[in-house]
């Protein structure tokens, strides 16, 4: 699964992942490979990414959006 996390200033992450956990507006959720297509708003919190290599990365956000489709995850954050 491929993920990109973008802020207004720069691309924070672009690579292959095992999972991503995000602070959705209606509650935290995670996305694994072959997840159903979804678009959701995000609220203040932390994004957790586990890469294919097993590295855990964390990104603090104020708000944003996530789009998941065909094993491609796009996250726009503020």
PDB file of N, CA and C in Angstrom:
ATOM      1  N   UNK A   1       0.855  -1.160   0.000  1.00  0.00           N
ATOM      2  CA  UNK A   1       0.000   0.000   0.000  1.00  0.00           C
ATOM      3  C   UNK A   1       0.908   1.232   0.000  1.00  0.00           C
ATOM      4  N   UNK A   2       0.543   2.233  -0.749  1.00  0.00           N
ATOM      5  CA  UNK A   2       1.329   3.460  -0.899  1.00  0.00           C
ATOM      6  C   UNK A   2       0.632   4.601  -0.160  1.00  0.00           C
ATOM      7  N   UNK A   3       1.408   5.416   0.547  1.00  0.00           N
ATOM      8  CA  UNK A   3       0.828   6.544   1.274  1.00  0.00           C
ATOM      9  C   UNK A   3       1.638   7.810   1.032  1.00  0.00           C
ATOM     10  N   UNK A   4       0.911   8.924   0.988  1.00  0.00           N
ATOM     11  CA  UNK A   4       1.516  10.243   0.894  1.00  0.00           C
ATOM     12  C   UNK A   4       0.849  11.129   1.940  1.00  0.00           C
ATOM     13  N   UNK A   5       1.664  11.814   2.734  1.00  0.00           N
ATOM     14  CA  UNK A   5       1.161  12.767   3.724  1.00  0.00           C
ATOM     15  C   UNK A   5       1.725  14.127   3.344  1.00  0.00           C
ATOM     16  N   UNK A   6       0.822  15.081   3.071  1.00  0.00           N
ATOM     17  CA  UNK A   6       1.220  16.389   2.573  1.00  0.00           C
ATOM     18  C   UNK A   6       0.668  17.491   3.465  1.00  0.00           C
ATOM     19  N   UNK A   7       1.530  18.466   3.785  1.00  0.00           N
ATOM     20  CA  UNK A   7       1.100  19.679   4.484  1.00  0.00           C
ATOM     21  C   UNK A   7       1.177  20.820   3.474  1.00  0.00           C
ATOM     22  N   UNK A   8       0.679  22.002   3.821  1.00  0.00           N
ATOM     23  CA  UNK A   8       0.790  23.133   2.887  1.00  0.00           C
ATOM     24  C   UNK A   8       2.246  23.491   2.554  1.00  0.00           C
ATOM     25  N   UNK A   9       3.166  23.186   3.442  1.00  0.00           N
ATOM     26  CA  UNK A   9       4.564  23.543   3.238  1.00  0.00           C
ATOM     27  C   UNK A   9       5.366  22.508   2.468  1.00  0.00           C
ATOM     28  N   UNK A  10       5.075  21.208   2.707  1.00  0.00           N
ATOM     29  CA  UNK A  10       5.924  20.167   2.111  1.00  0.00           C
ATOM     30  C   UNK A  10       5.276  18.783   2.204  1.00  0.00           C
ATOM     31  N   UNK A  11       5.899  17.836   1.532  1.00  0.00           N
ATOM     32  CA  UNK A  11       5.510  16.427   1.651  1.00  0.00           C
ATOM     33  C   UNK A  11       6.233  15.859   2.856  1.00  0.00           C
ATOM     34  N   UNK A  12       5.462  15.362   3.838  1.00  0.00           N
ATOM     35  CA  UNK A  12       6.046  14.827   5.062  1.00  0.00           C
ATOM     36  C   UNK A  12       6.418  13.358   4.928  1.00  0.00           C
ATOM     37  N   UNK A  13       5.668  12.620   4.105  1.00  0.00           N
ATOM     38  CA  UNK A  13       5.947  11.197   3.926  1.00  0.00           C
ATOM     39  C   UNK A  13       5.438  10.774   2.559  1.00  0.00           C
ATOM     40  N   UNK A  14       6.203   9.903   1.913  1.00  0.00           N
ATOM     41  CA  UNK A  14       5.798   9.327   0.636  1.00  0.00           C
ATOM     42  C   UNK A  14       6.482   7.970   0.519  1.00  0.00           C
ATOM     43  N   UNK A  15       5.708   6.898   0.685  1.00  0.00           N
ATOM     44  CA  UNK A  15       6.325   5.581   0.626  1.00  0.00           C
ATOM     45  C   UNK A  15       5.343   4.454   0.836  1.00  0.00           C
ATOM     46  N   UNK A  16       5.886   3.237   0.896  1.00  0.00           N
ATOM     47  CA  UNK A  16       5.088   2.032   1.105  1.00  0.00           C
ATOM     48  C   UNK A  16       4.861   1.813   2.590  1.00  0.00           C
ATOM     49  N   UNK A  17       3.615   1.468   2.937  1.00  0.00           N
ATOM     50  CA  UNK A  17       3.266   1.285   4.348  1.00  0.00           C
ATOM     51  C   UNK A  17       2.545  -0.033   4.562  1.00  0.00           C
ATOM     52  N   UNK A  18       2.552  -0.453   5.828  1.00  0.00           N
ATOM     53  CA  UNK A  18       1.761  -1.612   6.249  1.00  0.00           C
ATOM     54  C   UNK A  18       0.399  -1.138   6.755  1.00  0.00           C
ATOM     55  N   UNK A  19       0.405  -0.037   7.540  1.00  0.00           N
ATOM     56  CA  UNK A  19      -0.855   0.529   8.032  1.00  0.00           C
ATOM     57  C   UNK A  19      -0.686   1.985   8.365  1.00  0.00           C
ATOM     58  N   UNK A  20      -1.838   2.674   8.408  1.00  0.00           N
ATOM     59  CA  UNK A  20      -1.877   4.063   8.860  1.00  0.00           C
ATOM     60  C   UNK A  20      -3.065   4.208   9.794  1.00  0.00           C
ATOM     61  N   UNK A  21      -2.841   4.869  10.919  1.00  0.00           N
ATOM     62  CA  UNK A  21      -3.903   5.125  11.900  1.00  0.00           C
ATOM     63  C   UNK A  21      -4.073   6.634  11.991  1.00  0.00           C
ATOM     64  N   UNK A  22      -5.324   7.091  11.869  1.00  0.00           N
ATOM     65  CA  UNK A  22      -5.594   8.526  11.820  1.00  0.00           C
ATOM     66  C   UNK A  22      -6.691   8.919  12.807  1.00  0.00           C
ATOM     67  N   UNK A  23      -6.671  10.195  13.261  1.00  0.00           N
ATOM     68  CA  UNK A  23      -7.719  10.699  14.167  1.00  0.00           C
ATOM     69  C   UNK A  23      -8.913  11.231  13.374  1.00  0.00           C
ATOM     70  N   UNK A  24      -9.801  10.354  12.966  1.00  0.00           N
ATOM     71  CA  UNK A  24     -10.982  10.759  12.223  1.00  0.00           C
ATOM     72  C   UNK A  24     -11.894  11.634  13.062  1.00  0.00           C
ATOM     73  N   UNK A  25     -12.684  12.463  12.409  1.00  0.00           N
ATOM     74  CA  UNK A  25     -13.598  13.363  13.117  1.00  0.00           C
ATOM     75  C   UNK A  25     -14.590  12.587  13.979  1.00  0.00           C
ATOM     76  N   UNK A  26     -14.978  11.401  13.535  1.00  0.00           N
ATOM     77  CA  UNK A  26     -15.929  10.589  14.312  1.00  0.00           C
ATOM     78  C   UNK A  26     -15.238   9.451  15.042  1.00  0.00           C
ATOM     79  N   UNK A  27     -13.920   9.568  15.226  1.00  0.00           N
ATOM     80  CA  UNK A  27     -13.161   8.569  15.961  1.00  0.00           C
ATOM     81  C   UNK A  27     -11.955   8.090  15.179  1.00  0.00           C
ATOM     82  N   UNK A  28     -10.987   7.617  15.908  1.00  0.00           N
ATOM     83  CA  UNK A  28      -9.753   7.125  15.311  1.00  0.00           C
ATOM     84  C   UNK A  28     -10.022   5.843  14.516  1.00  0.00           C
ATOM     85  N   UNK A  29      -9.329   5.684  13.389  1.00  0.00           N
ATOM     86  CA  UNK A  29      -9.442   4.440  12.628  1.00  0.00           C
ATOM     87  C   UNK A  29      -8.144   4.161  11.908  1.00  0.00           C
ATOM     88  N   UNK A  30      -7.964   2.917  11.501  1.00  0.00           N
ATOM     89  CA  UNK A  30      -6.755   2.563  10.774  1.00  0.00           C
ATOM     90  C   UNK A  30      -7.104   1.954   9.437  1.00  0.00           C
ATOM     91  N   UNK A  31      -6.158   2.054   8.530  1.00  0.00           N
ATOM     92  CA  UNK A  31      -6.328   1.556   7.174  1.00  0.00           C
ATOM     93  C   UNK A  31      -5.236   0.524   6.913  1.00  0.00           C
ATOM     94  N   UNK A  32      -5.663  -0.649   6.483  1.00  0.00           N
ATOM     95  CA  UNK A  32      -4.759  -1.718   6.081  1.00  0.00           C
ATOM     96  C   UNK A  32      -4.928  -1.958   4.591  1.00  0.00           C
ATOM     97  N   UNK A  33      -4.089  -2.796   4.023  1.00  0.00           N
ATOM     98  CA  UNK A  33      -4.169  -3.113   2.606  1.00  0.00           C
ATOM     99  C   UNK A  33      -5.559  -3.612   2.231  1.00  0.00           C
ATOM    100  N   UNK A  34      -6.022  -3.236   1.049  1.00  0.00           N
ATOM    101  CA  UNK A  34      -7.334  -3.597   0.495  1.00  0.00           C
ATOM    102  C   UNK A  34      -8.510  -3.007   1.275  1.00  0.00           C
ATOM    103  N   UNK A  35      -8.287  -1.881   1.950  1.00  0.00           N
ATOM    104  CA  UNK A  35      -9.369  -1.188   2.654  1.00  0.00           C
ATOM    105  C   UNK A  35     -10.378  -0.667   1.629  1.00  0.00           C
ATOM    106  N   UNK A  36     -11.623  -0.633   2.013  1.00  0.00           N
ATOM    107  CA  UNK A  36     -12.668  -0.072   1.147  1.00  0.00           C
ATOM    108  C   UNK A  36     -12.384   1.406   0.886  1.00  0.00           C
ATOM    109  N   UNK A  37     -12.772   1.910  -0.274  1.00  0.00           N
ATOM    110  CA  UNK A  37     -12.575   3.337  -0.552  1.00  0.00           C
ATOM    111  C   UNK A  37     -13.269   4.199   0.508  1.00  0.00           C
ATOM    112  N   UNK A  38     -12.590   5.269   0.899  1.00  0.00           N
ATOM    113  CA  UNK A  38     -13.140   6.157   1.923  1.00  0.00           C
ATOM    114  C   UNK A  38     -12.535   7.546   1.768  1.00  0.00           C
ATOM    115  N   UNK A  39     -13.331   8.552   2.097  1.00  0.00           N
ATOM    116  CA  UNK A  39     -12.853   9.923   2.255  1.00  0.00           C
ATOM    117  C   UNK A  39     -13.368  10.378   3.613  1.00  0.00           C
ATOM    118  N   UNK A  40     -12.490  10.945   4.435  1.00  0.00           N
ATOM    119  CA  UNK A  40     -12.890  11.347   5.776  1.00  0.00           C
ATOM    120  C   UNK A  40     -12.139  12.607   6.191  1.00  0.00           C
ATOM    121  N   UNK A  41     -12.763  13.376   7.070  1.00  0.00           N
ATOM    122  CA  UNK A  41     -12.096  14.521   7.677  1.00  0.00           C
ATOM    123  C   UNK A  41     -11.318  14.029   8.898  1.00  0.00           C
ATOM    124  N   UNK A  42     -10.283  14.772   9.237  1.00  0.00           N
ATOM    125  CA  UNK A  42      -9.447  14.434  10.385  1.00  0.00           C
ATOM    126  C   UNK A  42      -9.467  15.588  11.372  1.00  0.00           C
ATOM    127  N   UNK A  43      -9.302  15.253  12.651  1.00  0.00           N
ATOM    128  CA  UNK A  43      -9.264  16.278  13.685  1.00  0.00           C
ATOM    129  C   UNK A  43      -7.893  16.290  14.349  1.00  0.00           C
ATOM    130  N   UNK A  44      -7.706  17.215  15.285  1.00  0.00           N
ATOM    131  CA  UNK A  44      -6.433  17.333  15.986  1.00  0.00           C
ATOM    132  C   UNK A  44      -6.059  16.008  16.634  1.00  0.00           C
ATOM    133  N   UNK A  45      -4.820  15.624  16.442  1.00  0.00           N
ATOM    134  CA  UNK A  45      -4.347  14.371  17.013  1.00  0.00           C
ATOM    135  C   UNK A  45      -3.046  13.947  16.363  1.00  0.00           C
ATOM    136  N   UNK A  46      -2.857  12.642  16.295  1.00  0.00           N
ATOM    137  CA  UNK A  46      -1.605  12.104  15.795  1.00  0.00           C
ATOM    138  C   UNK A  46      -1.870  11.025  14.752  1.00  0.00           C
ATOM    139  N   UNK A  47      -1.128  11.091  13.666  1.00  0.00           N
ATOM    140  CA  UNK A  47      -1.161  10.041  12.648  1.00  0.00           C
ATOM    141  C   UNK A  47      -0.027   9.077  12.968  1.00  0.00           C
ATOM    142  N   UNK A  48      -0.342   7.801  12.941  1.00  0.00           N
ATOM    143  CA  UNK A  48       0.662   6.753  13.162  1.00  0.00           C
ATOM    144  C   UNK A  48       0.808   5.965  11.868  1.00  0.00           C
ATOM    145  N   UNK A  49       2.035   5.807  11.417  1.00  0.00           N
ATOM    146  CA  UNK A  49       2.329   5.055  10.195  1.00  0.00           C
ATOM    147  C   UNK A  49       3.293   3.938  10.547  1.00  0.00           C
ATOM    148  N   UNK A  50       3.017   2.736  10.069  1.00  0.00           N
ATOM    149  CA  UNK A  50       3.979   1.643  10.151  1.00  0.00           C
ATOM    150  C   UNK A  50       4.377   1.307   8.721  1.00  0.00           C
ATOM    151  N   UNK A  51       5.654   1.501   8.424  1.00  0.00           N
ATOM    152  CA  UNK A  51       6.145   1.261   7.075  1.00  0.00           C
ATOM    153  C   UNK A  51       6.252  -0.232   6.793  1.00  0.00           C
ATOM    154  N   UNK A  52       6.458  -0.575   5.542  1.00  0.00           N
ATOM    155  CA  UNK A  52       6.649  -1.980   5.166  1.00  0.00           C
ATOM    156  C   UNK A  52       7.838  -2.593   5.891  1.00  0.00           C
ATOM    157  N   UNK A  53       8.834  -1.759   6.239  1.00  0.00           N
ATOM    158  CA  UNK A  53      10.027  -2.236   6.943  1.00  0.00           C
ATOM    159  C   UNK A  53       9.804  -2.364   8.446  1.00  0.00           C
ATOM    160  N   UNK A  54       8.634  -1.928   8.942  1.00  0.00           N
ATOM    161  CA  UNK A  54       8.321  -2.032  10.362  1.00  0.00           C
ATOM    162  C   UNK A  54       8.631  -0.795  11.181  1.00  0.00           C
ATOM    163  N   UNK A  55       9.115   0.270  10.548  1.00  0.00           N
ATOM    164  CA  UNK A  55       9.406   1.516  11.259  1.00  0.00           C
ATOM    165  C   UNK A  55       8.100   2.232  11.603  1.00  0.00           C
ATOM    166  N   UNK A  56       8.004   2.740  12.835  1.00  0.00           N
ATOM    167  CA  UNK A  56       6.829   3.505  13.257  1.00  0.00           C
ATOM    168  C   UNK A  56       7.140   4.989  13.179  1.00  0.00           C
ATOM    169  N   UNK A  57       6.250   5.732  12.514  1.00  0.00           N
ATOM    170  CA  UNK A  57       6.397   7.176  12.371  1.00  0.00           C
ATOM    171  C   UNK A  57       5.141   7.847  12.918  1.00  0.00           C
ATOM    172  N   UNK A  58       5.316   9.040  13.498  1.00  0.00           N
ATOM    173  CA  UNK A  58       4.195   9.779  14.066  1.00  0.00           C
ATOM    174  C   UNK A  58       4.212  11.214  13.536  1.00  0.00           C
ATOM    175  N   UNK A  59       3.019  11.721  13.234  1.00  0.00           N
ATOM    176  CA  UNK A  59       2.859  13.085  12.737  1.00  0.00           C
ATOM    177  C   UNK A  59       1.730  13.754  13.510  1.00  0.00           C
ATOM    178  N   UNK A  60       2.028  14.872  14.177  1.00  0.00           N
ATOM    179  CA  UNK A  60       0.997  15.634  14.895  1.00  0.00           C
ATOM    180  C   UNK A  60       0.280  16.530  13.901  1.00  0.00           C
ATOM    181  N   UNK A  61      -1.066  16.546  13.980  1.00  0.00           N
ATOM    182  CA  UNK A  61      -1.852  17.362  13.053  1.00  0.00           C
ATOM    183  C   UNK A  61      -2.896  18.175  13.803  1.00  0.00           C
ATOM    184  N   UNK A  62      -3.345  19.236  13.175  1.00  0.00           N
ATOM    185  CA  UNK A  62      -4.439  20.051  13.691  1.00  0.00           C
ATOM    186  C   UNK A  62      -5.763  19.638  13.045  1.00  0.00           C
ATOM    187  N   UNK A  63      -5.715  19.314  11.758  1.00  0.00           N
ATOM    188  CA  UNK A  63      -6.895  18.875  11.020  1.00  0.00           C
ATOM    189  C   UNK A  63      -6.431  18.377   9.660  1.00  0.00           C
ATOM    190  N   UNK A  64      -7.375  17.863   8.875  1.00  0.00           N
ATOM    191  CA  UNK A  64      -7.008  17.411   7.538  1.00  0.00           C
ATOM    192  C   UNK A  64      -8.062  16.530   6.909  1.00  0.00           C
ATOM    193  N   UNK A  65      -7.632  15.841   5.849  1.00  0.00           N
ATOM    194  CA  UNK A  65      -8.493  14.937   5.096  1.00  0.00           C
ATOM    195  C   UNK A  65      -7.694  13.698   4.721  1.00  0.00           C
ATOM    196  N   UNK A  66      -8.389  12.564   4.591  1.00  0.00           N
ATOM    197  CA  UNK A  66      -7.766  11.337   4.116  1.00  0.00           C
ATOM    198  C   UNK A  66      -8.624  10.766   2.996  1.00  0.00           C
ATOM    199  N   UNK A  67      -7.958  10.269   1.969  1.00  0.00           N
ATOM    200  CA  UNK A  67      -8.633   9.575   0.871  1.00  0.00           C
ATOM    201  C   UNK A  67      -7.927   8.238   0.682  1.00  0.00           C
ATOM    202  N   UNK A  68      -8.719   7.163   0.623  1.00  0.00           N
ATOM    203  CA  UNK A  68      -8.188   5.821   0.401  1.00  0.00           C
ATOM    204  C   UNK A  68      -8.906   5.223  -0.797  1.00  0.00           C
ATOM    205  N   UNK A  69      -8.128   4.756  -1.778  1.00  0.00           N
ATOM    206  CA  UNK A  69      -8.716   4.114  -2.951  1.00  0.00           C
ATOM    207  C   UNK A  69      -7.648   3.271  -3.635  1.00  0.00           C
ATOM    208  N   UNK A  70      -7.968   2.017  -3.918  1.00  0.00           N
ATOM    209  CA  UNK A  70      -7.069   1.112  -4.646  1.00  0.00           C
ATOM    210  C   UNK A  70      -5.673   1.027  -4.016  1.00  0.00           C
ATOM    211  N   UNK A  71      -5.630   0.890  -2.690  1.00  0.00           N
ATOM    212  CA  UNK A  71      -4.372   0.774  -1.944  1.00  0.00           C
ATOM    213  C   UNK A  71      -3.462   1.993  -2.072  1.00  0.00           C
ATOM    214  N   UNK A  72      -4.066   3.141  -2.342  1.00  0.00           N
ATOM    215  CA  UNK A  72      -3.346   4.411  -2.342  1.00  0.00           C
ATOM    216  C   UNK A  72      -4.003   5.308  -1.296  1.00  0.00           C
ATOM    217  N   UNK A  73      -3.198   5.791  -0.352  1.00  0.00           N
ATOM    218  CA  UNK A  73      -3.681   6.637   0.737  1.00  0.00           C
ATOM    219  C   UNK A  73      -3.085   8.033   0.573  1.00  0.00           C
ATOM    220  N   UNK A  74      -3.943   9.027   0.467  1.00  0.00           N
ATOM    221  CA  UNK A  74      -3.524  10.420   0.396  1.00  0.00           C
ATOM    222  C   UNK A  74      -4.048  11.143   1.630  1.00  0.00           C
ATOM    223  N   UNK A  75      -3.140  11.801   2.353  1.00  0.00           N
ATOM    224  CA  UNK A  75      -3.523  12.544   3.548  1.00  0.00           C
ATOM    225  C   UNK A  75      -3.056  13.977   3.375  1.00  0.00           C
ATOM    226  N   UNK A  76      -4.000  14.906   3.501  1.00  0.00           N
ATOM    227  CA  UNK A  76      -3.699  16.339   3.470  1.00  0.00           C
ATOM    228  C   UNK A  76      -3.889  16.861   4.886  1.00  0.00           C
ATOM    229  N   UNK A  77      -2.839  17.453   5.458  1.00  0.00           N
ATOM    230  CA  UNK A  77      -2.929  17.876   6.857  1.00  0.00           C
ATOM    231  C   UNK A  77      -2.649  19.357   7.018  1.00  0.00           C
ATOM    232  N   UNK A  78      -3.147  19.890   8.133  1.00  0.00           N
ATOM    233  CA  UNK A  78      -2.902  21.282   8.516  1.00  0.00           C
ATOM    234  C   UNK A  78      -2.084  21.278   9.789  1.00  0.00           C
TER     235      UNK A  78
END
